[in-house]
Amino acid sequence: MSRIFAAISGEEIRVKFTKTALPIKKESLPDWVPDAWGVAWFTNGEWVVHKDPIDVESEGLLKEVTGRAIVSHVRPVTLGPLMDENIMPFVSGQYAFAHNGMVDRATIVQLLDVNRRELRGTTDSEALFRLIMQEIERRGGKDVPGAIMGAVYKIEDSGAYFSSLNLVLSNGHQLFVLRYAKGNENYYSLYYDLVKGEASKHFPQTMMKISVSSGGNGGYVIGTRPFSDDSMPIPNKSLLVIDEKMSEEILPL
C-alpha cells in the first residue's frame, strides 16, 4: 500500500488489505521498511480502528473493511516507539487522520493550547493532527478547509521545519486531502481516482495489495501512489475536498 490510503463513497465502499512477503533476505532490507499499519473505517455513525505490527516475512489477508469512509496508513520503522499511540490513523471525535512526511514536533506542540493535553504518543504527525483539530474547534466545528489552511499558515509562520504536510482527514461524510510538500515533490505525491465496481492494486514497496469494491456511483480512492492509469495527481500546495455528494474541488493554498 502507498503510505497513505483513503477511500470514500456516497454509500459504502469495501476495501481488502492483503500483505505480501518482502522478496529479499531480512539482513538486506531496504531503507524504507514498514513496521506497523492501521486502518479506520466509518460505519454506523462512528469510526472503528484496527492497528497491527507488520512482519516483513508474513503474507495473507490483514483486514477487510466496509464503510462510508476509510483511512489507512503504513508506518516506517523510524518514527518513534512501536505502540498503538504512534500508529496512524489517529481518531478524535468524528475525525480520522493520517499524515506522510516529517515536521518539527517541538514547534508544533508550542502552537497548541489545551489540545496539548490530548497528545498520547510521541510522533510529529499526532501533533499536526491536534493542531488541525484546534483550528477546527476555533471555527466552531465548521469550515474544515479553512482550519487546515490555518494550520498550514501557522506552521509556515512559525518557521518550523517540515518535509511534507501531506495528509488525509475525514469526518466520515467528507474527505479532505492536503498535498503540501517543501521539496522532493516526486516522492511526496498524492493521487485521487474514481473507482466504480471492483479494482485492485499491488504496492510492492510497502508489501500491500489493496482491493476496492464500490457500487452505485462509485467512490474515490486516495493514495501516495497512483491506483490506476486514470489516477489524477493533486497539485502541490493544494487541498482536495470531496463532499457528501461526491463532488470534488481543489483549493490552492
C-alpha atoms as a PDB file:
ATOM      1  CA  MET A   1       0.000   0.000   0.000  1.00  0.00           C
ATOM      2  CA  SER A   2       1.102   3.516  -0.582  1.00  0.00           C
ATOM      3  CA  ARG A   3       1.940   5.094   2.777  1.00  0.00           C
ATOM      4  CA  ILE A   4      -1.407   6.898   2.910  1.00  0.00           C
ATOM      5  CA  PHE A   5      -4.588   5.373   1.552  1.00  0.00           C
ATOM      6  CA  ALA A   6      -8.143   6.649   1.887  1.00  0.00           C
ATOM      7  CA  ALA A   7     -11.496   5.916   0.290  1.00  0.00           C
ATOM      8  CA  ILE A   8     -14.941   7.478   0.434  1.00  0.00           C
ATOM      9  CA  SER A   9     -18.321   6.795  -1.144  1.00  0.00           C
ATOM     10  CA  GLY A  10     -21.808   8.251  -1.033  1.00  0.00           C
ATOM     11  CA  GLU A  11     -22.991   4.818   0.087  1.00  0.00           C
ATOM     12  CA  GLU A  12     -20.483   2.172   1.204  1.00  0.00           C
ATOM     13  CA  ILE A  13     -17.133   1.088  -0.106  1.00  0.00           C
ATOM     14  CA  ARG A  14     -15.362  -2.185   0.692  1.00  0.00           C
ATOM     15  CA  VAL A  15     -11.576  -2.412   0.905  1.00  0.00           C
ATOM     16  CA  LYS A  16      -9.480  -5.530   1.427  1.00  0.00           C
ATOM     17  CA  PHE A  17      -5.853  -5.221   2.582  1.00  0.00           C
ATOM     18  CA  THR A  18      -3.568  -8.160   1.777  1.00  0.00           C
ATOM     19  CA  LYS A  19       0.045  -8.442   2.886  1.00  0.00           C
ATOM     20  CA  THR A  20       2.746  -9.859   0.607  1.00  0.00           C
ATOM     21  CA  ALA A  21       6.165 -11.023   1.791  1.00  0.00           C
ATOM     22  CA  LEU A  22       9.244  -8.864   1.248  1.00  0.00           C
ATOM     23  CA  PRO A  23      11.019 -10.570  -1.665  1.00  0.00           C
ATOM     24  CA  ILE A  24      14.545 -10.214  -0.241  1.00  0.00           C
ATOM     25  CA  LYS A  25      16.545 -11.544   2.680  1.00  0.00           C
ATOM     26  CA  LYS A  26      15.860  -9.964   6.052  1.00  0.00           C
ATOM     27  CA  GLU A  27      19.518  -8.971   6.587  1.00  0.00           C
ATOM     28  CA  SER A  28      19.469  -6.822   3.424  1.00  0.00           C
ATOM     29  CA  LEU A  29      16.289  -4.827   3.973  1.00  0.00           C
ATOM     30  CA  PRO A  30      15.852  -1.553   2.039  1.00  0.00           C
ATOM     31  CA  ASP A  31      15.936   1.851   3.753  1.00  0.00           C
ATOM     32  CA  TRP A  32      12.141   2.158   3.924  1.00  0.00           C
ATOM     33  CA  VAL A  33      10.584  -0.817   5.714  1.00  0.00           C
ATOM     34  CA  PRO A  34       7.149  -0.790   7.372  1.00  0.00           C
ATOM     35  CA  ASP A  35       6.846  -1.935  10.967  1.00  0.00           C
ATOM     36  CA  ALA A  36       3.103  -1.316  11.501  1.00  0.00           C
ATOM     37  CA  TRP A  37      -0.090  -0.340   9.757  1.00  0.00           C
ATOM     38  CA  GLY A  38      -3.530   0.851  10.725  1.00  0.00           C
ATOM     39  CA  VAL A  39      -6.980   1.379   9.259  1.00  0.00           C
ATOM     40  CA  ALA A  40     -10.080   3.262  10.415  1.00  0.00           C
ATOM     41  CA  TRP A  41     -13.464   2.836   8.795  1.00  0.00           C
ATOM     42  CA  PHE A  42     -16.648   4.838   9.332  1.00  0.00           C
ATOM     43  CA  THR A  43     -19.709   2.664   9.884  1.00  0.00           C
ATOM     44  CA  ASN A  44     -22.957   3.123  11.822  1.00  0.00           C
ATOM     45  CA  GLY A  45     -22.036   6.718  12.530  1.00  0.00           C
ATOM     46  CA  GLU A  46     -18.654   6.109  14.179  1.00  0.00           C
ATOM     47  CA  TRP A  47     -15.029   5.232  13.474  1.00  0.00           C
ATOM     48  CA  VAL A  48     -13.732   1.719  14.101  1.00  0.00           C
ATOM     49  CA  VAL A  49      -9.937   1.398  14.316  1.00  0.00           C
ATOM     50  CA  HIS A  50      -7.606  -1.556  13.774  1.00  0.00           C
ATOM     51  CA  LYS A  51      -3.811  -1.386  14.229  1.00  0.00           C
ATOM     52  CA  ASP A  52      -1.161  -4.093  13.933  1.00  0.00           C
ATOM     53  CA  PRO A  53       2.611  -4.538  13.712  1.00  0.00           C
ATOM     54  CA  ILE A  54       3.974  -5.901  10.422  1.00  0.00           C
ATOM     55  CA  ASP A  55       6.217  -8.929   9.997  1.00  0.00           C
ATOM     56  CA  VAL A  56       8.080  -8.432   6.710  1.00  0.00           C
ATOM     57  CA  GLU A  57       8.176 -12.200   6.090  1.00  0.00           C
ATOM     58  CA  SER A  58       4.454 -12.862   6.608  1.00  0.00           C
ATOM     59  CA  GLU A  59       1.738 -12.787   3.976  1.00  0.00           C
ATOM     60  CA  GLY A  60      -2.033 -13.115   3.729  1.00  0.00           C
ATOM     61  CA  LEU A  61      -5.211 -11.156   4.429  1.00  0.00           C
ATOM     62  CA  LEU A  62      -4.771  -8.383   7.002  1.00  0.00           C
ATOM     63  CA  LYS A  63      -8.248  -6.904   7.111  1.00  0.00           C
ATOM     64  CA  GLU A  64     -11.390  -6.440   5.026  1.00  0.00           C
ATOM     65  CA  VAL A  65     -13.493  -3.429   5.987  1.00  0.00           C
ATOM     66  CA  THR A  66     -16.685  -1.793   4.761  1.00  0.00           C
ATOM     67  CA  GLY A  67     -17.710   1.762   5.487  1.00  0.00           C
ATOM     68  CA  ARG A  68     -18.674   5.080   4.047  1.00  0.00           C
ATOM     69  CA  ALA A  69     -15.119   6.354   4.557  1.00  0.00           C
ATOM     70  CA  ILE A  70     -11.804   4.555   5.133  1.00  0.00           C
ATOM     71  CA  VAL A  71      -8.434   5.967   6.204  1.00  0.00           C
ATOM     72  CA  SER A  72      -5.280   3.839   6.348  1.00  0.00           C
ATOM     73  CA  HIS A  73      -1.550   4.296   6.846  1.00  0.00           C
ATOM     74  CA  VAL A  74       1.641   2.216   6.703  1.00  0.00           C
ATOM     75  CA  ARG A  75       4.281   3.230   9.266  1.00  0.00           C
ATOM     76  CA  PRO A  76       8.048   3.086   8.696  1.00  0.00           C
ATOM     77  CA  VAL A  77      10.401   1.930  11.438  1.00  0.00           C
ATOM     78  CA  THR A  78      11.932   5.381  12.011  1.00  0.00           C
ATOM     79  CA  LEU A  79       9.014   7.179  13.642  1.00  0.00           C
ATOM     80  CA  GLY A  80       9.186   6.566  17.391  1.00  0.00           C
ATOM     81  CA  PRO A  81       8.486   3.510  19.564  1.00  0.00           C
ATOM     82  CA  LEU A  82       6.143   0.854  18.206  1.00  0.00           C
ATOM     83  CA  MET A  83       2.976   1.351  20.225  1.00  0.00           C
ATOM     84  CA  ASP A  84      -0.673   1.975  19.338  1.00  0.00           C
ATOM     85  CA  GLU A  85      -0.400   5.678  20.200  1.00  0.00           C
ATOM     86  CA  ASN A  86       2.237   6.085  17.456  1.00  0.00           C
ATOM     87  CA  ILE A  87       0.390   4.149  14.740  1.00  0.00           C
ATOM     88  CA  MET A  88      -1.924   6.019  12.394  1.00  0.00           C
ATOM     89  CA  PRO A  89      -4.673   6.652  11.627  1.00  0.00           C
ATOM     90  CA  PHE A  90      -5.406   8.829  14.637  1.00  0.00           C
ATOM     91  CA  VAL A  91      -9.057   9.331  15.572  1.00  0.00           C
ATOM     92  CA  SER A  92     -10.562  12.119  17.657  1.00  0.00           C
ATOM     93  CA  GLY A  93     -14.325  12.517  17.876  1.00  0.00           C
ATOM     94  CA  GLN A  94     -15.713  12.486  14.376  1.00  0.00           C
ATOM     95  CA  TYR A  95     -12.341  12.796  12.602  1.00  0.00           C
ATOM     96  CA  ALA A  96      -9.802  10.255  11.348  1.00  0.00           C
ATOM     97  CA  PHE A  97      -6.375  11.401  10.171  1.00  0.00           C
ATOM     98  CA  ALA A  98      -3.164  10.175   8.533  1.00  0.00           C
ATOM     99  CA  HIS A  99      -0.014  12.067   7.503  1.00  0.00           C
ATOM    100  CA  ASN A 100       3.042  11.377   5.353  1.00  0.00           C
ATOM    101  CA  GLY A 101       6.166  13.432   5.973  1.00  0.00           C
ATOM    102  CA  MET A 102       8.288  14.929   8.732  1.00  0.00           C
ATOM    103  CA  VAL A 103       7.594  18.084  10.745  1.00  0.00           C
ATOM    104  CA  ASP A 104       9.257  19.687  13.751  1.00  0.00           C
ATOM    105  CA  ARG A 105       7.168  18.250  16.576  1.00  0.00           C
ATOM    106  CA  ALA A 106       8.514  20.534  19.303  1.00  0.00           C
ATOM    107  CA  THR A 107       7.497  23.672  17.437  1.00  0.00           C
ATOM    108  CA  ILE A 108       4.038  22.296  16.592  1.00  0.00           C
ATOM    109  CA  VAL A 109       3.460  21.395  20.243  1.00  0.00           C
ATOM    110  CA  GLN A 110       4.220  25.011  21.190  1.00  0.00           C
ATOM    111  CA  LEU A 111       1.387  26.103  18.873  1.00  0.00           C
ATOM    112  CA  LEU A 112      -1.141  24.016  20.815  1.00  0.00           C
ATOM    113  CA  ASP A 113      -3.341  25.291  23.615  1.00  0.00           C
ATOM    114  CA  VAL A 114      -5.447  22.836  25.643  1.00  0.00           C
ATOM    115  CA  ASN A 115      -5.115  20.384  22.737  1.00  0.00           C
ATOM    116  CA  ARG A 116      -1.604  19.697  24.027  1.00  0.00           C
ATOM    117  CA  ARG A 117      -3.250  17.628  26.771  1.00  0.00           C
ATOM    118  CA  GLU A 118      -4.741  15.317  24.134  1.00  0.00           C
ATOM    119  CA  LEU A 119      -1.339  14.120  22.898  1.00  0.00           C
ATOM    120  CA  ARG A 120      -0.862  10.427  23.646  1.00  0.00           C
ATOM    121  CA  GLY A 121       2.150   9.376  21.574  1.00  0.00           C
ATOM    122  CA  THR A 122       5.494  10.795  20.525  1.00  0.00           C
ATOM    123  CA  THR A 123       5.038  11.414  16.789  1.00  0.00           C
ATOM    124  CA  ASP A 124       5.117  14.662  14.860  1.00  0.00           C
ATOM    125  CA  SER A 125       2.025  13.523  12.948  1.00  0.00           C
ATOM    126  CA  GLU A 126      -0.107  13.413  16.088  1.00  0.00           C
ATOM    127  CA  ALA A 127       0.960  16.968  16.966  1.00  0.00           C
ATOM    128  CA  LEU A 128      -0.038  18.083  13.461  1.00  0.00           C
ATOM    129  CA  PHE A 129      -3.432  16.373  13.891  1.00  0.00           C
ATOM    130  CA  ARG A 130      -4.025  18.148  17.209  1.00  0.00           C
ATOM    131  CA  LEU A 131      -3.136  21.496  15.617  1.00  0.00           C
ATOM    132  CA  ILE A 132      -5.732  20.936  12.891  1.00  0.00           C
ATOM    133  CA  MET A 133      -8.318  19.867  15.472  1.00  0.00           C
ATOM    134  CA  GLN A 134      -7.544  23.047  17.407  1.00  0.00           C
ATOM    135  CA  GLU A 135      -8.175  25.136  14.291  1.00  0.00           C
ATOM    136  CA  ILE A 136     -11.474  23.301  13.651  1.00  0.00           C
ATOM    137  CA  GLU A 137     -12.573  23.972  17.241  1.00  0.00           C
ATOM    138  CA  ARG A 138     -11.704  27.664  16.890  1.00  0.00           C
ATOM    139  CA  ARG A 139     -14.088  27.799  13.933  1.00  0.00           C
ATOM    140  CA  GLY A 140     -16.921  26.217  15.895  1.00  0.00           C
ATOM    141  CA  GLY A 141     -16.543  22.876  14.127  1.00  0.00           C
ATOM    142  CA  LYS A 142     -17.159  24.470  10.748  1.00  0.00           C
ATOM    143  CA  ASP A 143     -15.005  25.404   7.748  1.00  0.00           C
ATOM    144  CA  VAL A 144     -12.646  22.425   7.818  1.00  0.00           C
ATOM    145  CA  PRO A 145     -10.787  23.608   4.690  1.00  0.00           C
ATOM    146  CA  GLY A 146     -10.147  26.926   6.409  1.00  0.00           C
ATOM    147  CA  ALA A 147      -8.947  25.105   9.531  1.00  0.00           C
ATOM    148  CA  ILE A 148      -6.460  23.003   7.562  1.00  0.00           C
ATOM    149  CA  MET A 149      -5.195  26.081   5.731  1.00  0.00           C
ATOM    150  CA  GLY A 150      -4.950  27.946   9.037  1.00  0.00           C
ATOM    151  CA  ALA A 151      -2.790  25.179  10.496  1.00  0.00           C
ATOM    152  CA  VAL A 152      -0.516  25.260   7.448  1.00  0.00           C
ATOM    153  CA  TYR A 153      -0.078  29.027   7.662  1.00  0.00           C
ATOM    154  CA  LYS A 154       0.726  28.838  11.393  1.00  0.00           C
ATOM    155  CA  ILE A 155       3.395  26.236  10.702  1.00  0.00           C
ATOM    156  CA  GLU A 156       4.868  28.360   7.919  1.00  0.00           C
ATOM    157  CA  ASP A 157       4.805  31.491  10.113  1.00  0.00           C
ATOM    158  CA  SER A 158       6.470  29.627  12.997  1.00  0.00           C
ATOM    159  CA  GLY A 159       9.451  28.722  10.827  1.00  0.00           C
ATOM    160  CA  ALA A 160       9.087  25.046  11.781  1.00  0.00           C
ATOM    161  CA  TYR A 161      10.989  22.596   9.613  1.00  0.00           C
ATOM    162  CA  PHE A 162       8.894  20.143   7.611  1.00  0.00           C
ATOM    163  CA  SER A 163       9.435  17.922   4.614  1.00  0.00           C
ATOM    164  CA  SER A 164       5.753  17.376   3.861  1.00  0.00           C
ATOM    165  CA  LEU A 165       2.375  18.154   5.416  1.00  0.00           C
ATOM    166  CA  ASN A 166       0.620  15.690   3.112  1.00  0.00           C
ATOM    167  CA  LEU A 167      -2.443  14.356   4.924  1.00  0.00           C
ATOM    168  CA  VAL A 168      -5.930  12.919   4.716  1.00  0.00           C
ATOM    169  CA  LEU A 169      -8.700  13.924   7.126  1.00  0.00           C
ATOM    170  CA  SER A 170     -12.279  12.640   7.151  1.00  0.00           C
ATOM    171  CA  ASN A 171     -15.402  13.075   9.262  1.00  0.00           C
ATOM    172  CA  GLY A 172     -16.985  10.012   7.677  1.00  0.00           C
ATOM    173  CA  HIS A 173     -19.010  12.038   5.181  1.00  0.00           C
ATOM    174  CA  GLN A 174     -16.374  14.278   3.616  1.00  0.00           C
ATOM    175  CA  LEU A 175     -12.733  13.736   2.756  1.00  0.00           C
ATOM    176  CA  PHE A 176     -10.047  16.428   2.900  1.00  0.00           C
ATOM    177  CA  VAL A 177      -6.697  15.735   1.247  1.00  0.00           C
ATOM    178  CA  LEU A 178      -3.805  18.157   1.605  1.00  0.00           C
ATOM    179  CA  ARG A 179      -0.698  17.986  -0.543  1.00  0.00           C
ATOM    180  CA  TYR A 180       1.901  20.409   0.762  1.00  0.00           C
ATOM    181  CA  ALA A 181       5.495  19.350   0.195  1.00  0.00           C
ATOM    182  CA  LYS A 182       8.517  21.541   0.907  1.00  0.00           C
ATOM    183  CA  GLY A 183      10.622  19.709  -1.674  1.00  0.00           C
ATOM    184  CA  ASN A 184      11.093  16.313  -3.303  1.00  0.00           C
ATOM    185  CA  GLU A 185       7.679  16.602  -4.917  1.00  0.00           C
ATOM    186  CA  ASN A 186       8.003  13.314  -6.814  1.00  0.00           C
ATOM    187  CA  TYR A 187       8.351  11.460  -3.505  1.00  0.00           C
ATOM    188  CA  TYR A 188       5.705  13.418  -1.579  1.00  0.00           C
ATOM    189  CA  SER A 189       2.962  12.909  -4.132  1.00  0.00           C
ATOM    190  CA  LEU A 190      -0.778  12.317  -3.728  1.00  0.00           C
ATOM    191  CA  TYR A 191      -3.284  10.987  -6.264  1.00  0.00           C
ATOM    192  CA  TYR A 192      -7.037  10.535  -6.452  1.00  0.00           C
ATOM    193  CA  ASP A 193      -9.152   8.220  -8.566  1.00  0.00           C
ATOM    194  CA  LEU A 194     -12.838   7.419  -9.041  1.00  0.00           C
ATOM    195  CA  VAL A 195     -13.465   3.679  -8.715  1.00  0.00           C
ATOM    196  CA  LYS A 196     -16.678   2.019  -9.918  1.00  0.00           C
ATOM    197  CA  GLY A 197     -17.168  -1.704  -9.461  1.00  0.00           C
ATOM    198  CA  GLU A 198     -14.088  -3.676  -8.425  1.00  0.00           C
ATOM    199  CA  ALA A 199     -10.407  -2.777  -8.756  1.00  0.00           C
ATOM    200  CA  SER A 200      -7.137  -3.766  -7.119  1.00  0.00           C
ATOM    201  CA  LYS A 201      -3.557  -2.527  -6.932  1.00  0.00           C
ATOM    202  CA  HIS A 202      -0.318  -4.009  -5.596  1.00  0.00           C
ATOM    203  CA  PHE A 203       2.166  -1.635  -3.940  1.00  0.00           C
ATOM    204  CA  PRO A 204       5.389  -3.680  -3.726  1.00  0.00           C
ATOM    205  CA  GLN A 205       7.402  -1.220  -1.624  1.00  0.00           C
ATOM    206  CA  THR A 206       5.025  -1.449   1.311  1.00  0.00           C
ATOM    207  CA  MET A 207       4.165  -5.087   0.549  1.00  0.00           C
ATOM    208  CA  MET A 208       0.434  -4.411   0.307  1.00  0.00           C
ATOM    209  CA  LYS A 209      -2.291  -5.252  -2.158  1.00  0.00           C
ATOM    210  CA  ILE A 210      -5.483  -3.219  -1.938  1.00  0.00           C
ATOM    211  CA  SER A 211      -8.760  -4.407  -3.450  1.00  0.00           C
ATOM    212  CA  VAL A 212     -11.662  -1.942  -3.662  1.00  0.00           C
ATOM    213  CA  SER A 213     -15.312  -2.667  -4.366  1.00  0.00           C
ATOM    214  CA  SER A 214     -17.802   0.156  -4.825  1.00  0.00           C
ATOM    215  CA  GLY A 215     -21.324   0.039  -6.206  1.00  0.00           C
ATOM    216  CA  GLY A 216     -23.732   2.733  -7.348  1.00  0.00           C
ATOM    217  CA  ASN A 217     -21.956   5.875  -8.500  1.00  0.00           C
ATOM    218  CA  GLY A 218     -18.634   4.582  -7.248  1.00  0.00           C
ATOM    219  CA  GLY A 219     -16.244   6.064  -4.745  1.00  0.00           C
ATOM    220  CA  TYR A 220     -12.932   7.886  -4.569  1.00  0.00           C
ATOM    221  CA  VAL A 221      -9.614   6.403  -3.543  1.00  0.00           C
ATOM    222  CA  ILE A 222      -6.612   8.465  -2.434  1.00  0.00           C
ATOM    223  CA  GLY A 223      -3.001   7.334  -2.259  1.00  0.00           C
ATOM    224  CA  THR A 224       0.599   8.449  -2.283  1.00  0.00           C
ATOM    225  CA  ARG A 225       0.974   6.408  -5.462  1.00  0.00           C
ATOM    226  CA  PRO A 226      -1.439   6.078  -8.434  1.00  0.00           C
ATOM    227  CA  PHE A 227      -4.143   3.456  -8.048  1.00  0.00           C
ATOM    228  CA  SER A 228      -4.679   3.132 -11.801  1.00  0.00           C
ATOM    229  CA  ASP A 229      -3.684   4.691 -15.108  1.00  0.00           C
ATOM    230  CA  ASP A 230      -6.592   7.107 -14.611  1.00  0.00           C
ATOM    231  CA  SER A 231      -5.382   8.438 -11.260  1.00  0.00           C
ATOM    232  CA  MET A 232      -5.021  12.212 -11.141  1.00  0.00           C
ATOM    233  CA  PRO A 233      -2.202  13.953  -9.246  1.00  0.00           C
ATOM    234  CA  ILE A 234      -3.156  16.527  -6.633  1.00  0.00           C
ATOM    235  CA  PRO A 235      -1.126  19.694  -7.316  1.00  0.00           C
ATOM    236  CA  ASN A 236       1.393  20.671  -4.663  1.00  0.00           C
ATOM    237  CA  LYS A 237       0.166  23.262  -2.132  1.00  0.00           C
ATOM    238  CA  SER A 238      -3.445  22.326  -2.812  1.00  0.00           C
ATOM    239  CA  LEU A 239      -6.363  20.916  -0.832  1.00  0.00           C
ATOM    240  CA  LEU A 240      -8.736  18.398  -2.415  1.00  0.00           C
ATOM    241  CA  VAL A 241     -12.225  18.399  -0.889  1.00  0.00           C
ATOM    242  CA  ILE A 242     -14.721  15.616  -1.628  1.00  0.00           C
ATOM    243  CA  ASP A 243     -18.137  16.394  -0.173  1.00  0.00           C
ATOM    244  CA  GLU A 244     -21.115  14.235   0.830  1.00  0.00           C
ATOM    245  CA  LYS A 245     -22.481  14.337  -2.721  1.00  0.00           C
ATOM    246  CA  MET A 246     -19.126  13.071  -4.059  1.00  0.00           C
ATOM    247  CA  SER A 247     -18.376  16.399  -5.716  1.00  0.00           C
ATOM    248  CA  GLU A 248     -14.681  17.276  -5.824  1.00  0.00           C
ATOM    249  CA  GLU A 249     -12.972  20.645  -5.544  1.00  0.00           C
ATOM    250  CA  ILE A 250      -9.279  21.545  -5.482  1.00  0.00           C
ATOM    251  CA  LEU A 251      -8.407  24.637  -3.458  1.00  0.00           C
ATOM    252  CA  PRO A 252      -4.965  26.247  -3.890  1.00  0.00           C
ATOM    253  CA  LEU A 253      -3.177  27.436  -0.773  1.00  0.00           C
END
